[in-house]
Amino acid sequence: VQLQASGGGLVQAGGSLRLSCAASGSIFSTVGMGWYRQAPGKQRELVASIISSGMTRYADSVKGRFTISRDNAKNTVYLQMNSLKPEDTAVYYCAYYGVARTYWGQGTLVTVSS
């Protein structure tokens, strides 16, 4: 399974960005997909996830600002990020939850300036 993430960039505080992650390869079934982020000097953390039933989960720090969605036909997951804050600055990674293991994308940098 290969994951291609895109959509990162530089944005001012209060702005918006939309991340995309397309999965390709030997995709047979999945529990779901998710977005994680890692800021400098910090551990990678879950931002949002969406499982096969459509149920979503968000980190408390992004609730009400970020929305995860998916297009099953395109094997793509999106992360709409609104009201961005400087503390949202991080490398964002998408994850594909396979049956036997989790696959990771290469990461896309999001920088929010104050």
Protein backbone atom coordinates (compact mmCIF):
# COMPACT_ATOMS: atom_id res chain seq x y z
CA VAL A 1 0.00 0.00 0.00
CA GLN A 2 1.31 3.42 -0.95
CA LEU A 3 0.04 6.68 0.47
CA GLN A 4 0.47 10.04 -1.24
CA ALA A 5 -0.29 13.05 0.93
CA SER A 6 -0.61 16.59 -0.34
CA GLY A 7 -2.02 19.97 0.58
CA GLY A 8 0.40 21.22 3.19
CA GLY A 9 1.87 24.69 3.10
CA LEU A 10 2.24 28.01 4.85
CA VAL A 11 -0.86 29.78 6.10
CA GLN A 12 -1.58 32.62 8.48
CA ALA A 13 -3.32 32.01 11.77
CA GLY A 14 -7.05 31.81 11.25
CA GLY A 15 -6.65 30.45 7.76
CA SER A 16 -7.57 27.10 6.26
CA LEU A 17 -5.89 24.23 4.49
CA ARG A 18 -7.14 20.96 3.08
CA LEU A 19 -4.95 17.89 3.18
CA SER A 20 -5.49 14.92 0.90
CA CYS A 21 -4.13 11.40 1.09
CA ALA A 22 -4.63 8.89 -1.70
CA ALA A 23 -4.02 5.20 -1.10
CA SER A 24 -2.97 2.87 -3.88
CA GLY A 25 -1.60 -0.61 -4.28
CA SER A 26 -2.91 -3.81 -2.76
CA ILE A 27 -5.98 -2.41 -1.13
CA PHE A 28 -8.44 -5.12 -0.23
CA SER A 29 -9.96 -3.98 2.98
CA THR A 30 -9.26 -1.47 5.66
CA VAL A 31 -10.39 -0.60 9.08
CA GLY A 32 -10.03 3.05 8.21
CA MET A 33 -7.64 5.93 7.67
CA GLY A 34 -6.34 8.71 9.80
CA TRP A 35 -4.19 11.80 10.12
CA TYR A 36 -1.41 12.24 12.63
CA ARG A 37 1.00 15.07 13.22
CA GLN A 38 4.41 15.54 14.74
CA ALA A 39 5.69 18.91 15.83
CA PRO A 40 9.41 19.54 16.41
CA GLY A 41 10.53 17.93 19.64
CA LYS A 42 7.19 16.24 20.22
CA GLN A 43 5.78 12.78 19.72
CA ARG A 44 3.51 11.92 16.86
CA GLU A 45 -0.12 12.31 17.84
CA LEU A 46 -3.46 11.37 16.40
CA VAL A 47 -5.31 14.29 14.83
CA ALA A 48 -8.35 12.55 13.39
CA SER A 49 -9.42 9.16 12.14
CA ILE A 50 -12.30 7.67 10.25
CA ILE A 51 -13.15 4.00 10.25
CA SER A 52 -15.04 1.86 7.76
CA SER A 53 -18.38 2.52 9.47
CA GLY A 54 -17.87 6.24 8.99
CA MET A 55 -17.31 6.90 12.66
CA THR A 56 -14.81 9.67 13.28
CA ARG A 57 -12.51 10.54 16.14
CA TYR A 58 -10.71 13.80 16.82
CA ALA A 59 -8.04 15.05 19.15
CA ASP A 60 -9.51 17.47 21.65
CA SER A 61 -7.24 20.22 20.36
CA VAL A 62 -8.81 20.15 16.89
CA LYS A 63 -12.45 19.43 17.63
CA GLY A 64 -14.72 21.96 15.97
CA ARG A 65 -11.94 23.16 13.66
CA PHE A 66 -10.86 20.10 11.68
CA THR A 67 -13.02 17.70 9.70
CA ILE A 68 -11.94 14.33 8.35
CA SER A 69 -13.76 12.81 5.40
CA ARG A 70 -13.16 10.17 2.79
CA ASP A 71 -13.98 9.20 -0.75
CA ASN A 72 -14.11 5.41 -0.85
CA ALA A 73 -14.23 5.31 -4.63
CA LYS A 74 -10.92 7.15 -4.77
CA ASN A 75 -9.42 5.53 -1.66
CA THR A 76 -8.72 9.05 -0.48
CA VAL A 77 -9.05 10.70 2.90
CA TYR A 78 -9.20 14.43 3.45
CA LEU A 79 -8.53 16.70 6.40
CA GLN A 80 -10.18 20.09 6.24
CA MET A 81 -8.41 22.37 8.69
CA ASN A 82 -10.05 25.67 9.60
CA SER A 83 -9.20 28.35 12.13
CA LEU A 84 -5.61 27.23 12.10
CA LYS A 85 -3.37 28.18 15.02
CA PRO A 86 0.42 28.42 15.27
CA GLU A 87 0.34 25.35 17.52
CA ASP A 88 -1.05 23.35 14.60
CA THR A 89 2.34 23.67 12.92
CA ALA A 90 3.69 20.17 12.32
CA VAL A 91 4.39 17.51 9.77
CA TYR A 92 1.10 15.77 9.06
CA TYR A 93 1.10 12.08 8.21
CA CYS A 94 -1.73 10.02 6.83
CA ALA A 95 -2.21 6.45 7.93
CA TYR A 96 -4.02 3.54 6.34
CA TYR A 97 -5.22 0.96 8.83
CA GLY A 98 -4.80 -2.36 7.10
CA VAL A 99 -5.99 -5.66 8.51
CA ALA A 100 -2.50 -6.75 9.55
CA ARG A 101 -0.62 -3.46 9.88
CA THR A 102 -0.76 0.29 9.55
CA TYR A 103 0.77 1.99 6.53
CA TRP A 104 2.17 5.53 6.66
CA GLY A 105 2.47 8.30 4.12
CA GLN A 106 5.53 10.48 3.69
CA GLY A 107 4.22 13.49 5.58
CA THR A 108 3.30 16.98 4.50
CA LEU A 109 4.42 20.11 6.34
CA VAL A 110 1.86 22.56 7.67
CA THR A 111 3.20 25.86 8.95
CA VAL A 112 0.89 28.36 10.60
CA SER A 113 2.31 31.83 11.10
CA SER A 114 1.10 34.16 13.83
